[in-house]
Amino acid sequence: MKEKTIESTSNPIVKRAAALHMRKNRKKYQQFLLEGIRGIQDTLSASKQIECVFYESKIDSVPGGTDILQQIRTSKIELYKVTSEVMKKIADTKNPQGLMAVVRIPDHNLSDLLENSQYILMLDKIQDPGNMGTLIRSAEASGFDGILLTGGSTDPYSSKCIRAATGAVSHIPVIELNNTEDVLEIMKEKKFQILGAALENGISYTTVKYEAPLALLIGNEASGIHPDLLAMVAQRITIPMRGKTQSLNAAVAGSVLMFHITDSCR
């Protein structure tokens, strides 16, 4: 596809891409921004999701920059060479790496996910984008099949979350729920083992007999799992603290549990 050059920050294509910094526009257009070689490289394997790519000349001096540009040029993805001013308009980092993509948000089917999954991560009102992105990354890396988000969770397609996830959103379904209780009831009907991570009143995660299909709930950083949801789990599980630290943050705790769960079920 023919390469184009954009030099003005007022170009409609640039303004449309920059608008994706706002959650309401990401929902409206069903698109998000992805910055950097690593994330875009991971997403190229699902190239139907990439709408267009912006780059500036300095990307040629970044390790891997020339190679990824060549891959993009041989695909059917729209490619725009832009000035540093245009790149700063699109990116939300102070020193952009020089490569940005507009990516289509995948449309995943909840019924299919519940029918075909062995391991599902459910996140209840996770607020920190870094935690959200890390949990998405760990879920994909540990072998979980999908992620469900309760209402009030941070946007999984914000730039900070996408950076923390490093391309994992292209390889694992992430679905935002409207009625979490109904979904948990469906899981019970499908014989999911539903576990909730808790700081107290639970048993050590190393003593649990894990059986797929399984759903793991991780709660809000400050308040944990909502009481209404916690009442629906089959078992509360905890990570014993050996030192003086009283707890782990949501991303670390969730990652420890997910890798242990999938390893235990092999």
C-alpha atoms as a PDB file:
ATOM      1  CA  MET A   1       0.000   0.000   0.000  1.00  0.00           C
ATOM      2  CA  LYS A   2       1.297   3.470  -0.906  1.00  0.00           C
ATOM      3  CA  GLU A   3       3.035   5.339   1.918  1.00  0.00           C
ATOM      4  CA  LYS A   4       1.887   8.880   2.736  1.00  0.00           C
ATOM      5  CA  THR A   5       3.489  11.826   4.527  1.00  0.00           C
ATOM      6  CA  ILE A   6       1.756  14.043   7.101  1.00  0.00           C
ATOM      7  CA  GLU A   7       3.407  17.239   8.357  1.00  0.00           C
ATOM      8  CA  SER A   8       0.517  19.101   9.992  1.00  0.00           C
ATOM      9  CA  THR A   9      -0.871  18.471  13.477  1.00  0.00           C
ATOM     10  CA  SER A  10      -4.244  19.729  12.231  1.00  0.00           C
ATOM     11  CA  ASN A  11      -4.532  16.940   9.658  1.00  0.00           C
ATOM     12  CA  PRO A  12      -7.897  15.153  10.179  1.00  0.00           C
ATOM     13  CA  ILE A  13      -6.181  11.740  10.367  1.00  0.00           C
ATOM     14  CA  VAL A  14      -3.887  13.015  13.116  1.00  0.00           C
ATOM     15  CA  LYS A  15      -6.735  14.655  15.036  1.00  0.00           C
ATOM     16  CA  ARG A  16      -8.783  11.442  14.842  1.00  0.00           C
ATOM     17  CA  ALA A  17      -5.863   9.403  16.192  1.00  0.00           C
ATOM     18  CA  ALA A  18      -5.161  11.903  18.992  1.00  0.00           C
ATOM     19  CA  ALA A  19      -8.822  11.766  19.993  1.00  0.00           C
ATOM     20  CA  LEU A  20      -8.256   8.148  21.070  1.00  0.00           C
ATOM     21  CA  HIS A  21      -6.547   9.423  24.233  1.00  0.00           C
ATOM     22  CA  MET A  22     -10.075   9.792  25.618  1.00  0.00           C
ATOM     23  CA  ARG A  23     -11.999   6.708  26.758  1.00  0.00           C
ATOM     24  CA  LYS A  24     -15.280   7.923  25.278  1.00  0.00           C
ATOM     25  CA  ASN A  25     -13.661   8.128  21.839  1.00  0.00           C
ATOM     26  CA  ARG A  26     -12.079   4.694  22.169  1.00  0.00           C
ATOM     27  CA  LYS A  27     -15.554   3.328  22.855  1.00  0.00           C
ATOM     28  CA  LYS A  28     -17.116   5.389  20.063  1.00  0.00           C
ATOM     29  CA  TYR A  29     -14.657   4.315  17.366  1.00  0.00           C
ATOM     30  CA  GLN A  30     -13.746   0.916  18.898  1.00  0.00           C
ATOM     31  CA  GLN A  31     -10.067   1.721  18.451  1.00  0.00           C
ATOM     32  CA  PHE A  32      -7.040   2.337  20.675  1.00  0.00           C
ATOM     33  CA  LEU A  33      -3.472   3.594  20.344  1.00  0.00           C
ATOM     34  CA  LEU A  34      -0.467   1.303  20.544  1.00  0.00           C
ATOM     35  CA  GLU A  35       3.032   2.755  20.886  1.00  0.00           C
ATOM     36  CA  GLY A  36       6.425   1.205  20.311  1.00  0.00           C
ATOM     37  CA  ILE A  37       8.101  -1.580  18.383  1.00  0.00           C
ATOM     38  CA  ARG A  38       7.471  -4.399  20.854  1.00  0.00           C
ATOM     39  CA  GLY A  39       3.719  -3.956  21.173  1.00  0.00           C
ATOM     40  CA  ILE A  40       3.191  -3.396  17.458  1.00  0.00           C
ATOM     41  CA  GLN A  41       5.358  -6.397  16.603  1.00  0.00           C
ATOM     42  CA  ASP A  42       3.198  -8.586  18.854  1.00  0.00           C
ATOM     43  CA  THR A  43       0.043  -7.229  17.239  1.00  0.00           C
ATOM     44  CA  LEU A  44       1.248  -7.692  13.646  1.00  0.00           C
ATOM     45  CA  SER A  45       0.453 -11.387  13.931  1.00  0.00           C
ATOM     46  CA  ALA A  46      -3.169 -10.248  14.180  1.00  0.00           C
ATOM     47  CA  SER A  47      -2.720  -7.647  11.440  1.00  0.00           C
ATOM     48  CA  LYS A  48      -6.435  -7.358  10.693  1.00  0.00           C
ATOM     49  CA  GLN A  49      -6.653  -5.431  13.946  1.00  0.00           C
ATOM     50  CA  ILE A  50      -4.170  -2.731  12.919  1.00  0.00           C
ATOM     51  CA  GLU A  51      -5.872   0.131  11.085  1.00  0.00           C
ATOM     52  CA  CYS A  52      -2.821   2.311  10.370  1.00  0.00           C
ATOM     53  CA  VAL A  53       0.709   3.063  11.565  1.00  0.00           C
ATOM     54  CA  PHE A  54       2.502   6.402  12.044  1.00  0.00           C
ATOM     55  CA  TYR A  55       6.289   6.639  12.136  1.00  0.00           C
ATOM     56  CA  GLU A  56       8.992   9.273  12.156  1.00  0.00           C
ATOM     57  CA  SER A  57      12.422   8.939  10.584  1.00  0.00           C
ATOM     58  CA  LYS A  58      14.249   8.311  13.876  1.00  0.00           C
ATOM     59  CA  ILE A  59      12.680   4.854  14.081  1.00  0.00           C
ATOM     60  CA  ASP A  60      15.368   3.645  11.650  1.00  0.00           C
ATOM     61  CA  SER A  61      17.987   4.180  14.373  1.00  0.00           C
ATOM     62  CA  VAL A  62      16.043   2.137  16.954  1.00  0.00           C
ATOM     63  CA  PRO A  63      16.932  -1.593  17.138  1.00  0.00           C
ATOM     64  CA  GLY A  64      14.331  -3.480  15.144  1.00  0.00           C
ATOM     65  CA  GLY A  65      12.867  -0.306  13.657  1.00  0.00           C
ATOM     66  CA  THR A  66      13.885  -0.928  10.055  1.00  0.00           C
ATOM     67  CA  ASP A  67      12.681  -4.530  10.165  1.00  0.00           C
ATOM     68  CA  ILE A  68       9.220  -3.711  11.510  1.00  0.00           C
ATOM     69  CA  LEU A  69       8.757  -0.924   8.968  1.00  0.00           C
ATOM     70  CA  GLN A  70       9.533  -3.405   6.217  1.00  0.00           C
ATOM     71  CA  GLN A  71       6.920  -5.797   7.595  1.00  0.00           C
ATOM     72  CA  ILE A  72       4.343  -3.029   7.644  1.00  0.00           C
ATOM     73  CA  ARG A  73       5.212  -1.926   4.111  1.00  0.00           C
ATOM     74  CA  THR A  74       4.642  -5.438   2.778  1.00  0.00           C
ATOM     75  CA  SER A  75       1.243  -5.655   4.487  1.00  0.00           C
ATOM     76  CA  LYS A  76      -1.977  -3.864   3.592  1.00  0.00           C
ATOM     77  CA  ILE A  77      -1.749  -1.533   6.569  1.00  0.00           C
ATOM     78  CA  GLU A  78      -1.927   2.226   5.965  1.00  0.00           C
ATOM     79  CA  LEU A  79       1.487   3.772   6.726  1.00  0.00           C
ATOM     80  CA  TYR A  80       2.116   7.453   7.421  1.00  0.00           C
ATOM     81  CA  LYS A  81       5.497   9.146   7.798  1.00  0.00           C
ATOM     82  CA  VAL A  82       5.097  12.074  10.190  1.00  0.00           C
ATOM     83  CA  THR A  83       7.157  14.860  11.743  1.00  0.00           C
ATOM     84  CA  SER A  84       8.228  14.790  15.386  1.00  0.00           C
ATOM     85  CA  GLU A  85       5.566  17.435  16.143  1.00  0.00           C
ATOM     86  CA  VAL A  86       2.846  15.239  14.677  1.00  0.00           C
ATOM     87  CA  MET A  87       4.145  12.203  16.574  1.00  0.00           C
ATOM     88  CA  LYS A  88       4.047  14.148  19.859  1.00  0.00           C
ATOM     89  CA  LYS A  89       0.434  15.086  19.086  1.00  0.00           C
ATOM     90  CA  ILE A  90      -0.536  11.432  18.694  1.00  0.00           C
ATOM     91  CA  ALA A  91       1.620   9.910  21.446  1.00  0.00           C
ATOM     92  CA  ASP A  92       1.095  10.514  25.172  1.00  0.00           C
ATOM     93  CA  THR A  93       4.720  10.010  26.238  1.00  0.00           C
ATOM     94  CA  LYS A  94       7.249  12.831  26.514  1.00  0.00           C
ATOM     95  CA  ASN A  95       9.769  11.107  24.258  1.00  0.00           C
ATOM     96  CA  PRO A  96       7.898   8.903  21.753  1.00  0.00           C
ATOM     97  CA  GLN A  97       9.863   5.986  20.347  1.00  0.00           C
ATOM     98  CA  GLY A  98       8.783   7.003  16.858  1.00  0.00           C
ATOM     99  CA  LEU A  99       6.171   4.361  16.026  1.00  0.00           C
ATOM    100  CA  MET A 100       2.436   4.456  16.757  1.00  0.00           C
ATOM    101  CA  ALA A 101      -0.471   2.338  15.562  1.00  0.00           C
ATOM    102  CA  VAL A 102      -4.234   2.718  15.605  1.00  0.00           C
ATOM    103  CA  VAL A 103      -5.636  -0.706  16.480  1.00  0.00           C
ATOM    104  CA  ARG A 104      -9.185  -2.017  16.288  1.00  0.00           C
ATOM    105  CA  ILE A 105     -10.627  -3.198  19.598  1.00  0.00           C
ATOM    106  CA  PRO A 106     -11.486  -6.896  19.127  1.00  0.00           C
ATOM    107  CA  ASP A 107     -15.133  -7.927  19.394  1.00  0.00           C
ATOM    108  CA  HIS A 108     -15.320 -10.993  21.637  1.00  0.00           C
ATOM    109  CA  ASN A 109     -18.368 -13.138  22.359  1.00  0.00           C
ATOM    110  CA  LEU A 110     -19.035 -13.817  26.049  1.00  0.00           C
ATOM    111  CA  SER A 111     -21.052 -16.982  25.445  1.00  0.00           C
ATOM    112  CA  ASP A 112     -18.283 -18.482  23.324  1.00  0.00           C
ATOM    113  CA  LEU A 113     -15.683 -17.598  25.950  1.00  0.00           C
ATOM    114  CA  LEU A 114     -17.648 -19.263  28.759  1.00  0.00           C
ATOM    115  CA  GLU A 115     -18.324 -22.310  26.609  1.00  0.00           C
ATOM    116  CA  ASN A 116     -14.761 -22.910  25.457  1.00  0.00           C
ATOM    117  CA  SER A 117     -12.538 -21.737  28.321  1.00  0.00           C
ATOM    118  CA  GLN A 118     -10.686 -23.653  30.992  1.00  0.00           C
ATOM    119  CA  TYR A 119      -9.308 -20.649  32.888  1.00  0.00           C
ATOM    120  CA  ILE A 120     -10.947 -17.238  33.233  1.00  0.00           C
ATOM    121  CA  LEU A 121      -9.682 -14.227  35.168  1.00  0.00           C
ATOM    122  CA  MET A 122     -12.325 -11.854  36.554  1.00  0.00           C
ATOM    123  CA  LEU A 123     -11.190  -8.417  37.718  1.00  0.00           C
ATOM    124  CA  ASP A 124     -13.467  -6.477  40.064  1.00  0.00           C
ATOM    125  CA  LYS A 125     -13.034  -2.712  39.757  1.00  0.00           C
ATOM    126  CA  ILE A 126      -9.263  -2.715  39.269  1.00  0.00           C
ATOM    127  CA  GLN A 127      -8.399   1.003  39.113  1.00  0.00           C
ATOM    128  CA  ASP A 128      -4.693   1.276  38.380  1.00  0.00           C
ATOM    129  CA  PRO A 129      -3.874   0.969  34.639  1.00  0.00           C
ATOM    130  CA  GLY A 130      -0.477  -0.523  35.436  1.00  0.00           C
ATOM    131  CA  ASN A 131      -2.080  -3.252  37.533  1.00  0.00           C
ATOM    132  CA  MET A 132      -4.681  -3.919  34.852  1.00  0.00           C
ATOM    133  CA  GLY A 133      -2.079  -4.187  32.103  1.00  0.00           C
ATOM    134  CA  THR A 134       0.167  -6.444  34.152  1.00  0.00           C
ATOM    135  CA  LEU A 135      -2.745  -8.748  35.010  1.00  0.00           C
ATOM    136  CA  ILE A 136      -3.702  -8.985  31.330  1.00  0.00           C
ATOM    137  CA  ARG A 137      -0.103  -9.777  30.418  1.00  0.00           C
ATOM    138  CA  SER A 138       0.218 -12.421  33.152  1.00  0.00           C
ATOM    139  CA  ALA A 139      -3.134 -13.984  32.252  1.00  0.00           C
ATOM    140  CA  GLU A 140      -2.045 -14.473  28.651  1.00  0.00           C
ATOM    141  CA  ALA A 141       1.446 -15.650  29.621  1.00  0.00           C
ATOM    142  CA  SER A 142       0.196 -18.170  32.203  1.00  0.00           C
ATOM    143  CA  GLY A 143      -2.315 -19.780  29.853  1.00  0.00           C
ATOM    144  CA  PHE A 144      -5.608 -18.225  30.924  1.00  0.00           C
ATOM    145  CA  ASP A 145      -8.226 -18.112  28.175  1.00  0.00           C
ATOM    146  CA  GLY A 146      -9.968 -14.805  28.831  1.00  0.00           C
ATOM    147  CA  ILE A 147     -10.507 -11.842  31.142  1.00  0.00           C
ATOM    148  CA  LEU A 148     -13.801 -10.424  32.411  1.00  0.00           C
ATOM    149  CA  LEU A 149     -14.045  -6.925  33.886  1.00  0.00           C
ATOM    150  CA  THR A 150     -16.773  -5.739  36.235  1.00  0.00           C
ATOM    151  CA  GLY A 151     -18.356  -2.318  35.819  1.00  0.00           C
ATOM    152  CA  GLY A 152     -16.238   0.482  37.248  1.00  0.00           C
ATOM    153  CA  SER A 153     -12.920  -1.046  36.166  1.00  0.00           C
ATOM    154  CA  THR A 154     -10.262   1.104  34.548  1.00  0.00           C
ATOM    155  CA  ASP A 155     -10.176   1.094  30.750  1.00  0.00           C
ATOM    156  CA  PRO A 156      -8.096  -1.874  29.509  1.00  0.00           C
ATOM    157  CA  TYR A 157      -7.340   0.078  26.327  1.00  0.00           C
ATOM    158  CA  SER A 158      -5.868   3.202  27.932  1.00  0.00           C
ATOM    159  CA  SER A 159      -2.304   3.961  26.885  1.00  0.00           C
ATOM    160  CA  LYS A 160      -0.856   3.185  30.329  1.00  0.00           C
ATOM    161  CA  CYS A 161      -2.646  -0.148  30.462  1.00  0.00           C
ATOM    162  CA  ILE A 162      -1.640  -1.067  26.932  1.00  0.00           C
ATOM    163  CA  ARG A 163       2.021  -0.318  27.699  1.00  0.00           C
ATOM    164  CA  ALA A 164       1.908  -2.537  30.788  1.00  0.00           C
ATOM    165  CA  ALA A 165       0.212  -5.333  28.829  1.00  0.00           C
ATOM    166  CA  THR A 166       2.851  -5.111  26.038  1.00  0.00           C
ATOM    167  CA  GLY A 167       0.637  -6.438  23.249  1.00  0.00           C
ATOM    168  CA  ALA A 168      -1.180  -9.137  25.252  1.00  0.00           C
ATOM    169  CA  VAL A 169      -4.608  -7.602  24.506  1.00  0.00           C
ATOM    170  CA  SER A 170      -4.169  -8.821  20.933  1.00  0.00           C
ATOM    171  CA  HIS A 171      -3.884 -12.436  22.079  1.00  0.00           C
ATOM    172  CA  ILE A 172      -6.409 -12.841  24.915  1.00  0.00           C
ATOM    173  CA  PRO A 173     -10.094 -11.818  24.993  1.00  0.00           C
ATOM    174  CA  VAL A 174     -10.947  -8.964  27.365  1.00  0.00           C
ATOM    175  CA  ILE A 175     -14.675  -8.405  27.925  1.00  0.00           C
ATOM    176  CA  GLU A 176     -16.373  -5.714  30.013  1.00  0.00           C
ATOM    177  CA  LEU A 177     -19.453  -7.032  31.828  1.00  0.00           C
ATOM    178  CA  ASN A 178     -22.839  -5.418  32.415  1.00  0.00           C
ATOM    179  CA  ASN A 179     -24.129  -7.879  35.009  1.00  0.00           C
ATOM    180  CA  THR A 180     -21.407  -9.757  36.850  1.00  0.00           C
ATOM    181  CA  GLU A 181     -23.731 -11.711  39.143  1.00  0.00           C
ATOM    182  CA  ASP A 182     -25.564 -13.215  36.168  1.00  0.00           C
ATOM    183  CA  VAL A 183     -22.260 -14.286  34.604  1.00  0.00           C
ATOM    184  CA  LEU A 184     -21.151 -15.949  37.827  1.00  0.00           C
ATOM    185  CA  GLU A 185     -24.449 -17.843  37.955  1.00  0.00           C
ATOM    186  CA  ILE A 186     -23.857 -19.076  34.412  1.00  0.00           C
ATOM    187  CA  MET A 187     -20.369 -20.177  35.440  1.00  0.00           C
ATOM    188  CA  LYS A 188     -21.837 -22.137  38.327  1.00  0.00           C
ATOM    189  CA  GLU A 189     -24.233 -23.864  35.941  1.00  0.00           C
ATOM    190  CA  LYS A 190     -21.237 -24.769  33.771  1.00  0.00           C
ATOM    191  CA  LYS A 191     -19.478 -26.254  36.811  1.00  0.00           C
ATOM    192  CA  PHE A 192     -16.712 -23.656  37.018  1.00  0.00           C
ATOM    193  CA  GLN A 193     -14.630 -23.775  40.169  1.00  0.00           C
ATOM    194  CA  ILE A 194     -14.970 -20.124  41.283  1.00  0.00           C
ATOM    195  CA  LEU A 195     -12.182 -18.835  43.522  1.00  0.00           C
ATOM    196  CA  GLY A 196     -11.736 -15.419  45.092  1.00  0.00           C
ATOM    197  CA  ALA A 197      -8.403 -13.938  46.178  1.00  0.00           C
ATOM    198  CA  ALA A 198      -8.756 -12.544  49.697  1.00  0.00           C
ATOM    199  CA  LEU A 199      -6.499 -11.161  52.424  1.00  0.00           C
ATOM    200  CA  GLU A 200      -8.232 -13.106  55.192  1.00  0.00           C
ATOM    201  CA  ASN A 201     -10.737 -15.871  55.958  1.00  0.00           C
ATOM    202  CA  GLY A 202      -9.304 -18.022  53.180  1.00  0.00           C
ATOM    203  CA  ILE A 203      -7.012 -21.000  52.766  1.00  0.00           C
ATOM    204  CA  SER A 204      -3.463 -20.952  51.408  1.00  0.00           C
ATOM    205  CA  TYR A 205      -3.375 -21.081  47.632  1.00  0.00           C
ATOM    206  CA  THR A 206      -0.881 -23.940  47.760  1.00  0.00           C
ATOM    207  CA  THR A 207      -3.367 -26.254  49.543  1.00  0.00           C
ATOM    208  CA  VAL A 208      -6.238 -25.870  47.066  1.00  0.00           C
ATOM    209  CA  LYS A 209      -7.109 -28.668  44.653  1.00  0.00           C
ATOM    210  CA  TYR A 210      -7.634 -26.784  41.406  1.00  0.00           C
ATOM    211  CA  GLU A 211      -9.990 -28.167  38.777  1.00  0.00           C
ATOM    212  CA  ALA A 212     -10.821 -26.717  35.373  1.00  0.00           C
ATOM    213  CA  PRO A 213     -12.966 -25.049  34.244  1.00  0.00           C
ATOM    214  CA  LEU A 214     -11.959 -22.409  36.764  1.00  0.00           C
ATOM    215  CA  ALA A 215     -12.565 -18.716  37.378  1.00  0.00           C
ATOM    216  CA  LEU A 216     -10.271 -16.582  39.544  1.00  0.00           C
ATOM    217  CA  LEU A 217     -11.559 -13.287  40.985  1.00  0.00           C
ATOM    218  CA  ILE A 218      -9.144 -10.486  41.871  1.00  0.00           C
ATOM    219  CA  GLY A 219     -10.599  -7.489  43.681  1.00  0.00           C
ATOM    220  CA  ASN A 220     -10.123  -3.736  43.844  1.00  0.00           C
ATOM    221  CA  GLU A 221      -6.740  -2.555  45.117  1.00  0.00           C
ATOM    222  CA  ALA A 222      -8.215  -0.833  48.183  1.00  0.00           C
ATOM    223  CA  SER A 223     -11.394  -2.735  49.038  1.00  0.00           C
ATOM    224  CA  GLY A 224     -10.917  -6.177  47.495  1.00  0.00           C
ATOM    225  CA  ILE A 225     -13.730  -8.171  45.913  1.00  0.00           C
ATOM    226  CA  HIS A 226     -17.194  -6.676  46.363  1.00  0.00           C
ATOM    227  CA  PRO A 227     -19.064  -8.541  49.161  1.00  0.00           C
ATOM    228  CA  ASP A 228     -21.897  -9.545  46.800  1.00  0.00           C
ATOM    229  CA  LEU A 229     -19.404 -11.241  44.477  1.00  0.00           C
ATOM    230  CA  LEU A 230     -17.303 -12.684  47.275  1.00  0.00           C
ATOM    231  CA  ALA A 231     -20.430 -14.415  48.595  1.00  0.00           C
ATOM    232  CA  MET A 232     -20.706 -16.278  45.286  1.00  0.00           C
ATOM    233  CA  VAL A 233     -17.229 -17.841  45.228  1.00  0.00           C
ATOM    234  CA  ALA A 234     -16.716 -21.487  46.159  1.00  0.00           C
ATOM    235  CA  GLN A 235     -13.508 -20.776  48.059  1.00  0.00           C
ATOM    236  CA  ARG A 236     -11.475 -17.809  49.255  1.00  0.00           C
ATOM    237  CA  ILE A 237      -7.749 -18.254  48.732  1.00  0.00           C
ATOM    238  CA  THR A 238      -4.868 -16.325  50.256  1.00  0.00           C
ATOM    239  CA  ILE A 239      -1.131 -15.931  49.738  1.00  0.00           C
ATOM    240  CA  PRO A 240       0.590 -16.316  53.127  1.00  0.00           C
ATOM    241  CA  MET A 241       2.993 -13.474  53.955  1.00  0.00           C
ATOM    242  CA  ARG A 242       6.315 -14.791  55.312  1.00  0.00           C
ATOM    243  CA  GLY A 243       7.830 -11.391  56.046  1.00  0.00           C
ATOM    244  CA  LYS A 244       6.576  -8.201  57.634  1.00  0.00           C
ATOM    245  CA  THR A 245       4.703  -7.069  54.524  1.00  0.00           C
ATOM    246  CA  GLN A 246       0.977  -7.563  55.060  1.00  0.00           C
ATOM    247  CA  SER A 247      -0.089  -7.947  51.437  1.00  0.00           C
ATOM    248  CA  LEU A 248       0.898  -7.901  47.769  1.00  0.00           C
ATOM    249  CA  ASN A 249      -0.567  -5.552  45.219  1.00  0.00           C
ATOM    250  CA  ALA A 250      -3.299  -6.868  42.925  1.00  0.00           C
ATOM    251  CA  ALA A 251      -1.026  -7.408  39.914  1.00  0.00           C
ATOM    252  CA  VAL A 252       1.627  -9.368  41.817  1.00  0.00           C
ATOM    253  CA  ALA A 253      -0.909 -11.468  43.734  1.00  0.00           C
ATOM    254  CA  GLY A 254      -2.919 -12.243  40.623  1.00  0.00           C
ATOM    255  CA  SER A 255       0.193 -13.216  38.678  1.00  0.00           C
ATOM    256  CA  VAL A 256       1.403 -15.576  41.420  1.00  0.00           C
ATOM    257  CA  LEU A 257      -2.013 -17.251  41.593  1.00  0.00           C
ATOM    258  CA  MET A 258      -2.507 -17.618  37.837  1.00  0.00           C
ATOM    259  CA  PHE A 259       0.838 -19.270  37.185  1.00  0.00           C
ATOM    260  CA  HIS A 260       0.342 -21.597  40.139  1.00  0.00           C
ATOM    261  CA  ILE A 261      -3.177 -22.525  39.010  1.00  0.00           C
ATOM    262  CA  THR A 262      -2.308 -23.425  35.430  1.00  0.00           C
ATOM    263  CA  ASP A 263       0.809 -25.285  36.550  1.00  0.00           C
ATOM    264  CA  SER A 264      -1.196 -27.265  39.114  1.00  0.00           C
ATOM    265  CA  CYS A 265      -3.812 -28.303  36.553  1.00  0.00           C
ATOM    266  CA  ARG A 266      -1.362 -29.760  34.040  1.00  0.00           C
END
